[in-house]
Structure formats: structure tokens, C-alpha cells
C-alpha atoms as a PDB file:
ATOM      1  CA  MET A   1     164.289 186.342   0.062  1.00  0.00           C
ATOM      2  CA  ALA A   2     164.823 188.174   3.320  1.00  0.00           C
ATOM      3  CA  ARG A   3     163.084 186.835   6.273  1.00  0.00           C
ATOM      4  CA  LYS A   4     160.407 189.100   7.986  1.00  0.00           C
ATOM      5  CA  LYS A   5     161.403 190.659  11.016  1.00  0.00           C
ATOM      6  CA  PRO A   6     158.817 191.423  13.838  1.00  0.00           C
ATOM      7  CA  GLY A   7     156.810 194.358  12.729  1.00  0.00           C
ATOM      8  CA  GLY A   8     158.289 194.327   9.302  1.00  0.00           C
ATOM      9  CA  THR A   9     157.546 192.780   5.877  1.00  0.00           C
ATOM     10  CA  PRO A  10     160.060 190.837   3.673  1.00  0.00           C
ATOM     11  CA  ALA A  11     160.339 194.151   1.520  1.00  0.00           C
ATOM     12  CA  THR A  12     161.312 196.227   4.696  1.00  0.00           C
ATOM     13  CA  THR A  13     163.581 193.379   5.885  1.00  0.00           C
ATOM     14  CA  ALA A  14     165.259 193.212   2.439  1.00  0.00           C
ATOM     15  CA  LEU A  15     165.989 196.958   2.519  1.00  0.00           C
ATOM     16  CA  ALA A  16     167.153 196.883   6.180  1.00  0.00           C
ATOM     17  CA  ASP A  17     169.494 193.840   5.515  1.00  0.00           C
ATOM     18  CA  ALA A  18     171.016 195.679   2.543  1.00  0.00           C
ATOM     19  CA  GLY A  19     171.421 198.878   4.606  1.00  0.00           C
ATOM     20  CA  VAL A  20     169.363 200.926   2.221  1.00  0.00           C
ATOM     21  CA  GLY A  21     167.803 204.018   3.710  1.00  0.00           C
ATOM     22  CA  PHE A  22     163.992 204.159   3.240  1.00  0.00           C
ATOM     23  CA  THR A  23     160.874 205.633   4.733  1.00  0.00           C
ATOM     24  CA  LEU A  24     157.659 203.810   5.508  1.00  0.00           C
ATOM     25  CA  HIS A  25     154.432 205.564   4.948  1.00  0.00           C
ATOM     26  CA  GLU A  26     151.294 203.853   6.329  1.00  0.00           C
ATOM     27  CA  TYR A  27     147.773 204.937   5.395  1.00  0.00           C
ATOM     28  CA  ASP A  28     144.185 203.509   6.035  1.00  0.00           C
ATOM     29  CA  HIS A  29     143.506 201.266   3.090  1.00  0.00           C
ATOM     30  CA  ASP A  30     139.771 201.160   1.952  1.00  0.00           C
ATOM     31  CA  ALA A  31     138.830 197.619   0.489  1.00  0.00           C
ATOM     32  CA  ARG A  32     136.414 199.342  -1.788  1.00  0.00           C
ATOM     33  CA  ALA A  33     139.275 201.380  -3.599  1.00  0.00           C
ATOM     34  CA  ALA A  34     139.084 200.804  -7.407  1.00  0.00           C
ATOM     35  CA  SER A  35     142.782 201.259  -7.709  1.00  0.00           C
ATOM     36  CA  TYR A  36     145.340 200.519  -5.017  1.00  0.00           C
ATOM     37  CA  GLY A  37     148.074 202.608  -6.496  1.00  0.00           C
ATOM     38  CA  THR A  38     145.754 205.653  -6.920  1.00  0.00           C
ATOM     39  CA  GLU A  39     144.423 205.291  -3.478  1.00  0.00           C
ATOM     40  CA  ALA A  40     148.010 205.164  -1.963  1.00  0.00           C
ATOM     41  CA  ALA A  41     148.934 208.424  -3.999  1.00  0.00           C
ATOM     42  CA  GLU A  42     145.815 210.247  -2.761  1.00  0.00           C
ATOM     43  CA  ALA A  43     146.117 208.959   0.806  1.00  0.00           C
ATOM     44  CA  MET A  44     149.633 210.094   1.059  1.00  0.00           C
ATOM     45  CA  GLY A  45     149.191 213.411  -0.905  1.00  0.00           C
ATOM     46  CA  VAL A  46     151.968 212.280  -3.422  1.00  0.00           C
ATOM     47  CA  ASP A  47     152.020 212.920  -7.087  1.00  0.00           C
ATOM     48  CA  PRO A  48     150.903 209.566  -8.854  1.00  0.00           C
ATOM     49  CA  GLU A  49     153.985 209.836 -10.983  1.00  0.00           C
ATOM     50  CA  ARG A  50     156.051 209.019  -8.073  1.00  0.00           C
ATOM     51  CA  VAL A  51     154.038 206.010  -6.840  1.00  0.00           C
ATOM     52  CA  PHE A  52     154.773 202.854  -8.675  1.00  0.00           C
ATOM     53  CA  LYS A  53     152.732 199.726  -9.088  1.00  0.00           C
ATOM     54  CA  THR A  54     154.362 196.223  -9.398  1.00  0.00           C
ATOM     55  CA  LEU A  55     152.766 194.038 -12.226  1.00  0.00           C
ATOM     56  CA  PHE A  56     153.415 190.378 -13.010  1.00  0.00           C
ATOM     57  CA  VAL A  57     153.569 189.539 -16.710  1.00  0.00           C
ATOM     58  CA  ASP A  58     154.031 186.267 -18.509  1.00  0.00           C
ATOM     59  CA  VAL A  59     156.729 186.793 -21.142  1.00  0.00           C
ATOM     60  CA  ASP A  60     157.352 183.676 -23.320  1.00  0.00           C
ATOM     61  CA  GLY A  61     156.431 181.378 -20.395  1.00  0.00           C
ATOM     62  CA  ARG A  62     158.492 183.108 -17.679  1.00  0.00           C
ATOM     63  CA  LEU A  63     157.290 185.569 -15.117  1.00  0.00           C
ATOM     64  CA  VAL A  64     158.567 189.090 -15.393  1.00  0.00           C
ATOM     65  CA  VAL A  65     158.087 192.118 -13.095  1.00  0.00           C
ATOM     66  CA  GLY A  66     157.083 195.561 -14.530  1.00  0.00           C
ATOM     67  CA  VAL A  67     157.359 198.503 -12.325  1.00  0.00           C
ATOM     68  CA  VAL A  68     155.492 201.597 -13.587  1.00  0.00           C
ATOM     69  CA  PRO A  69     153.818 204.793 -12.221  1.00  0.00           C
ATOM     70  CA  VAL A  70     150.256 204.241 -10.983  1.00  0.00           C
ATOM     71  CA  SER A  71     149.250 207.261 -13.410  1.00  0.00           C
ATOM     72  CA  GLY A  72     150.081 205.119 -16.430  1.00  0.00           C
ATOM     73  CA  GLN A  73     149.583 201.791 -17.876  1.00  0.00           C
ATOM     74  CA  LEU A  74     152.199 199.042 -18.597  1.00  0.00           C
ATOM     75  CA  ASP A  75     153.209 198.580 -22.250  1.00  0.00           C
ATOM     76  CA  LEU A  76     153.184 194.842 -22.638  1.00  0.00           C
ATOM     77  CA  LYS A  77     155.188 194.856 -25.932  1.00  0.00           C
ATOM     78  CA  ALA A  78     157.806 197.235 -24.523  1.00  0.00           C
ATOM     79  CA  LEU A  79     158.314 194.922 -21.402  1.00  0.00           C
ATOM     80  CA  ALA A  80     158.825 192.038 -23.671  1.00  0.00           C
ATOM     81  CA  ARG A  81     161.335 193.852 -25.811  1.00  0.00           C
ATOM     82  CA  ALA A  82     163.197 194.915 -22.553  1.00  0.00           C
ATOM     83  CA  VAL A  83     163.683 191.349 -21.518  1.00  0.00           C
ATOM     84  CA  GLU A  84     164.323 190.146 -25.127  1.00  0.00           C
ATOM     85  CA  GLY A  85     161.054 188.301 -25.197  1.00  0.00           C
ATOM     86  CA  ARG A  86     158.358 188.195 -27.779  1.00  0.00           C
ATOM     87  CA  LYS A  87     154.838 187.565 -26.381  1.00  0.00           C
ATOM     88  CA  ALA A  88     153.637 189.173 -23.042  1.00  0.00           C
ATOM     89  CA  ALA A  89     150.326 188.729 -21.228  1.00  0.00           C
ATOM     90  CA  MET A  90     149.459 189.829 -17.761  1.00  0.00           C
ATOM     91  CA  ALA A  91     149.976 186.881 -15.332  1.00  0.00           C
ATOM     92  CA  ASP A  92     147.121 185.533 -13.428  1.00  0.00           C
ATOM     93  CA  PRO A  93     146.751 187.450  -9.960  1.00  0.00           C
ATOM     94  CA  ARG A  94     147.053 184.087  -8.050  1.00  0.00           C
ATOM     95  CA  THR A  95     150.219 183.093  -9.834  1.00  0.00           C
ATOM     96  CA  ALA A  96     151.627 186.561  -8.991  1.00  0.00           C
ATOM     97  CA  GLU A  97     150.620 185.964  -5.319  1.00  0.00           C
ATOM     98  CA  ARG A  98     152.143 182.620  -5.006  1.00  0.00           C
ATOM     99  CA  ALA A  99     155.429 183.717  -6.758  1.00  0.00           C
ATOM    100  CA  THR A 100     155.836 186.662  -4.504  1.00  0.00           C
ATOM    101  CA  GLY A 101     154.303 185.670  -1.104  1.00  0.00           C
ATOM    102  CA  TYR A 102     152.283 188.961  -1.169  1.00  0.00           C
ATOM    103  CA  VAL A 103     148.647 189.682  -2.032  1.00  0.00           C
ATOM    104  CA  VAL A 104     147.432 191.787  -5.074  1.00  0.00           C
ATOM    105  CA  GLY A 105     147.430 195.341  -4.005  1.00  0.00           C
ATOM    106  CA  GLY A 106     150.371 194.755  -1.645  1.00  0.00           C
ATOM    107  CA  ILE A 107     152.931 193.132  -4.126  1.00  0.00           C
ATOM    108  CA  SER A 108     156.235 194.828  -3.641  1.00  0.00           C
ATOM    109  CA  PRO A 109     159.111 194.551  -6.094  1.00  0.00           C
ATOM    110  CA  LEU A 110     161.389 193.723  -3.145  1.00  0.00           C
ATOM    111  CA  GLY A 111     161.659 190.807  -0.946  1.00  0.00           C
ATOM    112  CA  GLN A 112     159.796 188.263  -3.128  1.00  0.00           C
ATOM    113  CA  ARG A 113     160.028 184.591  -2.526  1.00  0.00           C
ATOM    114  CA  LYS A 114     162.103 184.364  -5.632  1.00  0.00           C
ATOM    115  CA  ALA A 115     163.932 186.985  -7.732  1.00  0.00           C
ATOM    116  CA  HIS A 116     162.234 187.525 -11.126  1.00  0.00           C
ATOM    117  CA  PRO A 117     163.638 189.546 -14.048  1.00  0.00           C
ATOM    118  CA  THR A 118     162.439 193.079 -13.241  1.00  0.00           C
ATOM    119  CA  VAL A 119     162.182 196.088 -15.512  1.00  0.00           C
ATOM    120  CA  VAL A 120     161.625 199.691 -13.792  1.00  0.00           C
ATOM    121  CA  ASP A 121     160.046 202.302 -16.176  1.00  0.00           C
ATOM    122  CA  GLU A 122     162.557 205.145 -16.947  1.00  0.00           C
ATOM    123  CA  SER A 123     160.470 207.714 -15.542  1.00  0.00           C
ATOM    124  CA  ALA A 124     161.592 206.670 -11.969  1.00  0.00           C
ATOM    125  CA  SER A 125     164.982 207.953 -12.638  1.00  0.00           C
ATOM    126  CA  GLY A 126     163.486 211.540 -12.770  1.00  0.00           C
ATOM    127  CA  HIS A 127     162.612 211.519  -9.190  1.00  0.00           C
ATOM    128  CA  GLU A 128     164.734 211.910  -6.136  1.00  0.00           C
ATOM    129  CA  THR A 129     162.514 209.338  -4.441  1.00  0.00           C
ATOM    130  CA  VAL A 130     159.650 206.890  -5.543  1.00  0.00           C
ATOM    131  CA  PHE A 131     157.146 204.925  -3.830  1.00  0.00           C
ATOM    132  CA  VAL A 132     156.599 201.146  -4.005  1.00  0.00           C
ATOM    133  CA  SER A 133     154.470 198.847  -2.001  1.00  0.00           C
ATOM    134  CA  ALA A 134     155.910 197.678   1.199  1.00  0.00           C
ATOM    135  CA  GLY A 135     154.366 194.276   1.026  1.00  0.00           C
ATOM    136  CA  ARG A 136     150.823 194.944   2.197  1.00  0.00           C
ATOM    137  CA  ARG A 137     147.898 197.153   1.428  1.00  0.00           C
ATOM    138  CA  GLY A 138     148.153 200.436   3.161  1.00  0.00           C
ATOM    139  CA  LEU A 139     152.053 200.421   3.558  1.00  0.00           C
ATOM    140  CA  GLU A 140     154.470 202.021   1.089  1.00  0.00           C
ATOM    141  CA  ILE A 141     158.246 202.381   0.946  1.00  0.00           C
ATOM    142  CA  GLU A 142     159.940 205.472  -0.230  1.00  0.00           C
ATOM    143  CA  LEU A 143     163.406 205.077  -1.490  1.00  0.00           C
ATOM    144  CA  ARG A 144     165.785 206.312  -4.265  1.00  0.00           C
ATOM    145  CA  PRO A 145     164.979 204.874  -7.677  1.00  0.00           C
ATOM    146  CA  ALA A 146     168.766 203.768  -8.096  1.00  0.00           C
ATOM    147  CA  GLU A 147     168.317 201.642  -4.984  1.00  0.00           C
ATOM    148  CA  LEU A 148     165.318 200.081  -6.336  1.00  0.00           C
ATOM    149  CA  VAL A 149     166.942 199.193  -9.479  1.00  0.00           C
ATOM    150  CA  ARG A 150     169.992 197.816  -7.732  1.00  0.00           C
ATOM    151  CA  LEU A 151     168.222 195.690  -5.111  1.00  0.00           C
ATOM    152  CA  THR A 152     165.907 194.157  -7.792  1.00  0.00           C
ATOM    153  CA  ALA A 153     168.655 193.812 -10.360  1.00  0.00           C
ATOM    154  CA  ALA A 154     166.230 195.691 -12.759  1.00  0.00           C
ATOM    155  CA  ARG A 155     166.579 196.890 -16.242  1.00  0.00           C
ATOM    156  CA  VAL A 156     165.561 200.448 -16.847  1.00  0.00           C
ATOM    157  CA  ALA A 157     163.450 200.942 -20.021  1.00  0.00           C
ATOM    158  CA  ALA A 158     160.536 202.980 -21.380  1.00  0.00           C
ATOM    159  CA  ILE A 159     157.717 200.448 -20.409  1.00  0.00           C
ATOM    160  CA  ARG A 160     154.784 202.761 -19.733  1.00  0.00           C
ATOM    161  CA  LYS A 161     151.969 203.708 -22.062  1.00  0.00           C
END
């Protein structure tokens, strides 16, 4: 994991250390928001198809990251197939927080405490840039999908319902 530099998050530090171009977008997070991802898309005026959420799943006893548009849902069976697993269930939010060092609503696929197998939904490839959490609520990273895939060593698959 990248170390947090002053004013940054582990996610932004990981991008900077890798020399990857990105843009930070900050917005005022409303603690009453029903959906962190939808709130981000609306606050930034961005199509929800381009804003991706990071979800932790237990696949056959191991943690796997699924990255899907906030406008859709994660297909657990498809995610399990993508990592050659059989049984998948959403991980407990506290487990995800401990595994990443981030809080729910601010979990980034980048700069996690430990690398986890990651699958990015194939729809990301259809956009010049996508948005993912920068590691805290109210802060998003905009970057090229290919960079997201490369830096997370992700597989690309159809994992969205």
C-alpha cells in the first residue's frame, strides 16, 4: 500500500507514486444520503454509468473486490465465476473496512492495506474516464479505466446486473 502523503489519501498517493494522471473531485457529503455512489454522481453532475462503487465480497472464503457502476448492482454469481469461485456473498462492512483501511462509502479500489483480487465491470471500458472513491466520503478520483485495471491488477468481466 502507498503511504498517505499530507493532504492525500492512500488512493491518491498510490496514483501519484505510479505516475498516473488523475483528477480529484470533491463535493459536500450528506451523511443522510441513501446511496453514496448516487450522491457522488448527482453532486458532480456526472452520468451514474461513469461512477463506480467498490464492493467487497466473500468468494469461497476469500475477499474479492467488485467494481461496478453505481447505477447497477453487483451480480454475485458472475463475480464468483470471474475469479473461478463458486459461492459468493457480500462481505460484512466491518470486514471490508478492516481489510482496506477505508470506511464504507469511501472505500477505494486503490491504495488498500493489502491487494485483493479485483474485478472491474466491463462497462468501464466504454468510457474515456471513470470515477471511483478517492478513499473518503465526498472525494472521487477520475481516471482512465485502463489505469484502474492496471493498478489493481483487475480482471475485466461482466459482473453487473
